[in-house]
PDB file of N, CA and C in Angstrom:
ATOM      1  N   UNK A   1      15.280   4.297  25.566  1.00  0.00           N
ATOM      2  CA  UNK A   1      14.159   4.372  24.560  1.00  0.00           C
ATOM      3  C   UNK A   1      13.754   5.846  24.449  1.00  0.00           C
ATOM      4  N   UNK A   2      13.729   6.352  23.234  1.00  0.00           N
ATOM      5  CA  UNK A   2      13.361   7.726  23.041  1.00  0.00           C
ATOM      6  C   UNK A   2      11.890   7.988  23.404  1.00  0.00           C
ATOM      7  N   UNK A   3      11.696   9.166  24.011  1.00  0.00           N
ATOM      8  CA  UNK A   3      10.331   9.505  24.388  1.00  0.00           C
ATOM      9  C   UNK A   3       9.501  10.148  23.223  1.00  0.00           C
ATOM     10  N   UNK A   4      10.101  10.744  22.333  1.00  0.00           N
ATOM     11  CA  UNK A   4       9.417  11.437  21.179  1.00  0.00           C
ATOM     12  C   UNK A   4      10.135  11.037  19.898  1.00  0.00           C
ATOM     13  N   UNK A   5       9.435  11.246  18.755  1.00  0.00           N
ATOM     14  CA  UNK A   5      10.024  10.989  17.514  1.00  0.00           C
ATOM     15  C   UNK A   5      11.312  11.775  17.318  1.00  0.00           C
ATOM     16  N   UNK A   6      11.357  12.969  17.706  1.00  0.00           N
ATOM     17  CA  UNK A   6      12.542  13.834  17.568  1.00  0.00           C
ATOM     18  C   UNK A   6      13.716  13.292  18.335  1.00  0.00           C
ATOM     19  N   UNK A   7      13.473  12.531  19.418  1.00  0.00           N
ATOM     20  CA  UNK A   7      14.560  11.925  20.264  1.00  0.00           C
ATOM     21  C   UNK A   7      15.155  10.726  19.623  1.00  0.00           C
ATOM     22  N   UNK A   8      14.441  10.140  18.694  1.00  0.00           N
ATOM     23  CA  UNK A   8      14.795   8.868  18.073  1.00  0.00           C
ATOM     24  C   UNK A   8      16.088   8.984  17.257  1.00  0.00           C
ATOM     25  N   UNK A   9      16.944   8.031  17.320  1.00  0.00           N
ATOM     26  CA  UNK A   9      18.138   8.052  16.497  1.00  0.00           C
ATOM     27  C   UNK A   9      17.823   7.686  15.032  1.00  0.00           C
ATOM     28  N   UNK A  10      18.485   8.373  14.137  1.00  0.00           N
ATOM     29  CA  UNK A  10      18.221   8.216  12.676  1.00  0.00           C
ATOM     30  C   UNK A  10      19.106   6.972  12.251  1.00  0.00           C
ATOM     31  N   UNK A  11      18.441   6.081  11.466  1.00  0.00           N
ATOM     32  CA  UNK A  11      19.230   4.980  10.887  1.00  0.00           C
ATOM     33  C   UNK A  11      19.691   5.237   9.525  1.00  0.00           C
ATOM     34  N   UNK A  12      20.975   5.095   9.301  1.00  0.00           N
ATOM     35  CA  UNK A  12      21.595   5.362   7.964  1.00  0.00           C
ATOM     36  C   UNK A  12      21.394   4.236   7.093  1.00  0.00           C
ATOM     37  N   UNK A  13      21.233   3.028   7.598  1.00  0.00           N
ATOM     38  CA  UNK A  13      21.029   1.835   6.790  1.00  0.00           C
ATOM     39  C   UNK A  13      20.311   0.735   7.535  1.00  0.00           C
ATOM     40  N   UNK A  14      19.639  -0.123   6.796  1.00  0.00           N
ATOM     41  CA  UNK A  14      18.904  -1.285   7.402  1.00  0.00           C
ATOM     42  C   UNK A  14      19.491  -2.509   6.726  1.00  0.00           C
ATOM     43  N   UNK A  15      19.626  -3.526   7.554  1.00  0.00           N
ATOM     44  CA  UNK A  15      20.113  -4.867   7.108  1.00  0.00           C
ATOM     45  C   UNK A  15      18.996  -5.889   7.404  1.00  0.00           C
ATOM     46  N   UNK A  16      18.446  -6.387   6.284  1.00  0.00           N
ATOM     47  CA  UNK A  16      17.359  -7.381   6.421  1.00  0.00           C
ATOM     48  C   UNK A  16      17.976  -8.783   6.551  1.00  0.00           C
ATOM     49  N   UNK A  17      17.478  -9.500   7.577  1.00  0.00           N
ATOM     50  CA  UNK A  17      18.016 -10.852   7.850  1.00  0.00           C
ATOM     51  C   UNK A  17      16.824 -11.869   7.949  1.00  0.00           C
ATOM     52  N   UNK A  18      16.952 -12.948   7.299  1.00  0.00           N
ATOM     53  CA  UNK A  18      15.883 -13.922   7.292  1.00  0.00           C
ATOM     54  C   UNK A  18      15.758 -14.382   8.735  1.00  0.00           C
ATOM     55  N   UNK A  19      14.558 -14.401   9.259  1.00  0.00           N
ATOM     56  CA  UNK A  19      14.286 -14.762  10.601  1.00  0.00           C
ATOM     57  C   UNK A  19      14.662 -16.201  10.968  1.00  0.00           C
ATOM     58  N   UNK A  20      14.677 -17.101  10.097  1.00  0.00           N
ATOM     59  CA  UNK A  20      14.978 -18.527  10.339  1.00  0.00           C
ATOM     60  C   UNK A  20      16.544 -18.770  10.380  1.00  0.00           C
ATOM     61  N   UNK A  21      17.275 -17.748  10.274  1.00  0.00           N
ATOM     62  CA  UNK A  21      18.771 -17.928  10.293  1.00  0.00           C
ATOM     63  C   UNK A  21      19.325 -17.333  11.553  1.00  0.00           C
ATOM     64  N   UNK A  22      19.295 -18.051  12.664  1.00  0.00           N
ATOM     65  CA  UNK A  22      19.741 -17.648  13.920  1.00  0.00           C
ATOM     66  C   UNK A  22      21.191 -17.237  13.906  1.00  0.00           C
ATOM     67  N   UNK A  23      22.044 -17.974  13.191  1.00  0.00           N
ATOM     68  CA  UNK A  23      23.422 -17.697  13.171  1.00  0.00           C
ATOM     69  C   UNK A  23      23.648 -16.370  12.454  1.00  0.00           C
ATOM     70  N   UNK A  24      22.944 -16.028  11.450  1.00  0.00           N
ATOM     71  CA  UNK A  24      23.016 -14.780  10.741  1.00  0.00           C
ATOM     72  C   UNK A  24      22.600 -13.586  11.575  1.00  0.00           C
ATOM     73  N   UNK A  25      21.568 -13.771  12.421  1.00  0.00           N
ATOM     74  CA  UNK A  25      21.118 -12.707  13.284  1.00  0.00           C
ATOM     75  C   UNK A  25      22.084 -12.394  14.280  1.00  0.00           C
ATOM     76  N   UNK A  26      22.836 -13.362  14.794  1.00  0.00           N
ATOM     77  CA  UNK A  26      23.812 -13.125  15.833  1.00  0.00           C
ATOM     78  C   UNK A  26      25.059 -12.413  15.406  1.00  0.00           C
ATOM     79  N   UNK A  27      25.358 -12.564  14.131  1.00  0.00           N
ATOM     80  CA  UNK A  27      26.595 -11.803  13.626  1.00  0.00           C
ATOM     81  C   UNK A  27      26.185 -10.457  12.950  1.00  0.00           C
ATOM     82  N   UNK A  28      24.953 -10.196  12.834  1.00  0.00           N
ATOM     83  CA  UNK A  28      24.519  -8.970  12.139  1.00  0.00           C
ATOM     84  C   UNK A  28      25.122  -7.676  12.675  1.00  0.00           C
ATOM     85  N   UNK A  29      25.293  -7.512  14.033  1.00  0.00           N
ATOM     86  CA  UNK A  29      25.856  -6.227  14.457  1.00  0.00           C
ATOM     87  C   UNK A  29      27.280  -5.872  13.931  1.00  0.00           C
ATOM     88  N   UNK A  30      28.023  -6.963  13.544  1.00  0.00           N
ATOM     89  CA  UNK A  30      29.350  -6.709  13.141  1.00  0.00           C
ATOM     90  C   UNK A  30      29.439  -5.965  11.746  1.00  0.00           C
ATOM     91  N   UNK A  31      28.246  -5.979  11.064  1.00  0.00           N
ATOM     92  CA  UNK A  31      28.249  -5.340   9.764  1.00  0.00           C
ATOM     93  C   UNK A  31      27.932  -3.820   9.804  1.00  0.00           C
ATOM     94  N   UNK A  32      27.648  -3.285  10.980  1.00  0.00           N
ATOM     95  CA  UNK A  32      27.545  -1.900  11.182  1.00  0.00           C
ATOM     96  C   UNK A  32      26.301  -1.237  10.633  1.00  0.00           C
ATOM     97  N   UNK A  33      25.219  -1.922  10.350  1.00  0.00           N
ATOM     98  CA  UNK A  33      24.086  -1.305   9.808  1.00  0.00           C
ATOM     99  C   UNK A  33      23.338  -0.497  10.940  1.00  0.00           C
ATOM    100  N   UNK A  34      22.632   0.469  10.627  1.00  0.00           N
ATOM    101  CA  UNK A  34      21.979   1.332  11.571  1.00  0.00           C
ATOM    102  C   UNK A  34      20.881   0.571  12.287  1.00  0.00           C
ATOM    103  N   UNK A  35      20.226  -0.388  11.571  1.00  0.00           N
ATOM    104  CA  UNK A  35      19.163  -1.231  12.195  1.00  0.00           C
ATOM    105  C   UNK A  35      19.112  -2.555  11.520  1.00  0.00           C
ATOM    106  N   UNK A  36      19.211  -3.585  12.272  1.00  0.00           N
ATOM    107  CA  UNK A  36      18.909  -4.986  11.698  1.00  0.00           C
ATOM    108  C   UNK A  36      17.421  -5.171  11.718  1.00  0.00           C
ATOM    109  N   UNK A  37      16.907  -5.800  10.589  1.00  0.00           N
ATOM    110  CA  UNK A  37      15.446  -6.050  10.486  1.00  0.00           C
ATOM    111  C   UNK A  37      15.404  -7.580  10.324  1.00  0.00           C
ATOM    112  N   UNK A  38      14.733  -8.206  11.262  1.00  0.00           N
ATOM    113  CA  UNK A  38      14.534  -9.624  11.201  1.00  0.00           C
ATOM    114  C   UNK A  38      13.282  -9.949  10.395  1.00  0.00           C
ATOM    115  N   UNK A  39      13.428 -10.486   9.243  1.00  0.00           N
ATOM    116  CA  UNK A  39      12.327 -10.658   8.317  1.00  0.00           C
ATOM    117  C   UNK A  39      11.593 -12.004   8.529  1.00  0.00           C
ATOM    118  N   UNK A  40      10.333 -11.979   8.754  1.00  0.00           N
ATOM    119  CA  UNK A  40       9.508 -13.093   8.937  1.00  0.00           C
ATOM    120  C   UNK A  40       8.516 -13.311   7.745  1.00  0.00           C
ATOM    121  N   UNK A  41       8.613 -12.503   6.795  1.00  0.00           N
ATOM    122  CA  UNK A  41       7.697 -12.600   5.631  1.00  0.00           C
ATOM    123  C   UNK A  41       8.323 -13.202   4.377  1.00  0.00           C
ATOM    124  N   UNK A  42       8.834 -12.439   3.516  1.00  0.00           N
ATOM    125  CA  UNK A  42       9.312 -12.942   2.234  1.00  0.00           C
ATOM    126  C   UNK A  42      10.425 -13.843   2.282  1.00  0.00           C
ATOM    127  N   UNK A  43      11.325 -13.725   3.291  1.00  0.00           N
ATOM    128  CA  UNK A  43      12.584 -14.550   3.353  1.00  0.00           C
ATOM    129  C   UNK A  43      12.358 -15.864   4.017  1.00  0.00           C
ATOM    130  N   UNK A  44      11.155 -16.121   4.573  1.00  0.00           N
ATOM    131  CA  UNK A  44      10.966 -17.308   5.404  1.00  0.00           C
ATOM    132  C   UNK A  44       9.795 -18.148   4.776  1.00  0.00           C
ATOM    133  N   UNK A  45      10.037 -19.410   4.553  1.00  0.00           N
ATOM    134  CA  UNK A  45       8.956 -20.297   4.043  1.00  0.00           C
ATOM    135  C   UNK A  45       7.867 -20.453   5.094  1.00  0.00           C
ATOM    136  N   UNK A  46       6.715 -20.661   4.707  1.00  0.00           N
ATOM    137  CA  UNK A  46       5.566 -20.727   5.627  1.00  0.00           C
ATOM    138  C   UNK A  46       5.831 -21.901   6.604  1.00  0.00           C
ATOM    139  N   UNK A  47       6.353 -22.923   6.237  1.00  0.00           N
ATOM    140  CA  UNK A  47       6.708 -24.078   7.139  1.00  0.00           C
ATOM    141  C   UNK A  47       7.686 -23.786   8.187  1.00  0.00           C
ATOM    142  N   UNK A  48       8.549 -22.672   7.937  1.00  0.00           N
ATOM    143  CA  UNK A  48       9.545 -22.351   8.886  1.00  0.00           C
ATOM    144  C   UNK A  48       9.252 -21.130   9.814  1.00  0.00           C
ATOM    145  N   UNK A  49       8.011 -20.534   9.618  1.00  0.00           N
ATOM    146  CA  UNK A  49       7.725 -19.359  10.370  1.00  0.00           C
ATOM    147  C   UNK A  49       7.648 -19.460  11.865  1.00  0.00           C
ATOM    148  N   UNK A  50       7.158 -20.582  12.306  1.00  0.00           N
ATOM    149  CA  UNK A  50       7.095 -20.796  13.822  1.00  0.00           C
ATOM    150  C   UNK A  50       8.577 -20.903  14.481  1.00  0.00           C
ATOM    151  N   UNK A  51       9.395 -21.634  13.735  1.00  0.00           N
ATOM    152  CA  UNK A  51      10.754 -21.727  14.196  1.00  0.00           C
ATOM    153  C   UNK A  51      11.505 -20.373  14.105  1.00  0.00           C
ATOM    154  N   UNK A  52      11.198 -19.641  13.064  1.00  0.00           N
ATOM    155  CA  UNK A  52      11.764 -18.363  12.944  1.00  0.00           C
ATOM    156  C   UNK A  52      11.444 -17.366  14.031  1.00  0.00           C
ATOM    157  N   UNK A  53      10.145 -17.389  14.437  1.00  0.00           N
ATOM    158  CA  UNK A  53       9.776 -16.558  15.590  1.00  0.00           C
ATOM    159  C   UNK A  53      10.581 -16.871  16.805  1.00  0.00           C
ATOM    160  N   UNK A  54      10.812 -18.106  17.047  1.00  0.00           N
ATOM    161  CA  UNK A  54      11.571 -18.581  18.228  1.00  0.00           C
ATOM    162  C   UNK A  54      13.073 -18.115  18.125  1.00  0.00           C
ATOM    163  N   UNK A  55      13.580 -18.276  16.924  1.00  0.00           N
ATOM    164  CA  UNK A  55      14.996 -17.905  16.687  1.00  0.00           C
ATOM    165  C   UNK A  55      15.156 -16.417  16.823  1.00  0.00           C
ATOM    166  N   UNK A  56      14.178 -15.597  16.352  1.00  0.00           N
ATOM    167  CA  UNK A  56      14.360 -14.140  16.550  1.00  0.00           C
ATOM    168  C   UNK A  56      14.247 -13.776  18.001  1.00  0.00           C
ATOM    169  N   UNK A  57      13.309 -14.350  18.769  1.00  0.00           N
ATOM    170  CA  UNK A  57      13.257 -14.084  20.171  1.00  0.00           C
ATOM    171  C   UNK A  57      14.502 -14.475  20.900  1.00  0.00           C
ATOM    172  N   UNK A  58      15.181 -15.521  20.497  1.00  0.00           N
ATOM    173  CA  UNK A  58      16.452 -15.918  21.136  1.00  0.00           C
ATOM    174  C   UNK A  58      17.536 -14.958  20.785  1.00  0.00           C
ATOM    175  N   UNK A  59      17.497 -14.458  19.524  1.00  0.00           N
ATOM    176  CA  UNK A  59      18.561 -13.482  19.028  1.00  0.00           C
ATOM    177  C   UNK A  59      18.410 -12.139  19.808  1.00  0.00           C
ATOM    178  N   UNK A  60      17.183 -11.736  19.952  1.00  0.00           N
ATOM    179  CA  UNK A  60      16.936 -10.472  20.650  1.00  0.00           C
ATOM    180  C   UNK A  60      17.424 -10.594  22.104  1.00  0.00           C
ATOM    181  N   UNK A  61      17.119 -11.645  22.732  1.00  0.00           N
ATOM    182  CA  UNK A  61      17.629 -11.783  24.103  1.00  0.00           C
ATOM    183  C   UNK A  61      19.178 -11.815  24.225  1.00  0.00           C
ATOM    184  N   UNK A  62      19.730 -12.471  23.284  1.00  0.00           N
ATOM    185  CA  UNK A  62      21.247 -12.527  23.268  1.00  0.00           C
ATOM    186  C   UNK A  62      21.928 -11.199  22.933  1.00  0.00           C
ATOM    187  N   UNK A  63      21.300 -10.471  21.925  1.00  0.00           N
ATOM    188  CA  UNK A  63      21.898  -9.232  21.441  1.00  0.00           C
ATOM    189  C   UNK A  63      21.501  -7.987  22.225  1.00  0.00           C
ATOM    190  N   UNK A  64      20.527  -8.173  23.151  1.00  0.00           N
ATOM    191  CA  UNK A  64      20.006  -6.993  23.837  1.00  0.00           C
ATOM    192  C   UNK A  64      21.160  -6.183  24.599  1.00  0.00           C
ATOM    193  N   UNK A  65      21.040  -4.934  24.413  1.00  0.00           N
ATOM    194  CA  UNK A  65      22.124  -4.005  25.083  1.00  0.00           C
ATOM    195  C   UNK A  65      21.342  -3.199  26.090  1.00  0.00           C
ATOM    196  N   UNK A  66      21.740  -3.296  27.300  1.00  0.00           N
ATOM    197  CA  UNK A  66      21.153  -2.410  28.344  1.00  0.00           C
ATOM    198  C   UNK A  66      22.173  -1.638  29.115  1.00  0.00           C
TER     199      UNK A  66
END
């Protein structure tokens, strides 16, 4: 984790992924974007937002690099 803004890595591109599409979030890294962005707003219907939050949490746990 960068300590200052200057230490942060610059992102050349961002890939927006609907938060309710767990399978899409899990394959996002193969597309080489600088930063995947899990969208919970415009791309997800109100009725699916709770499930999308759970799907994003699961994807982050699976994709986490340490």
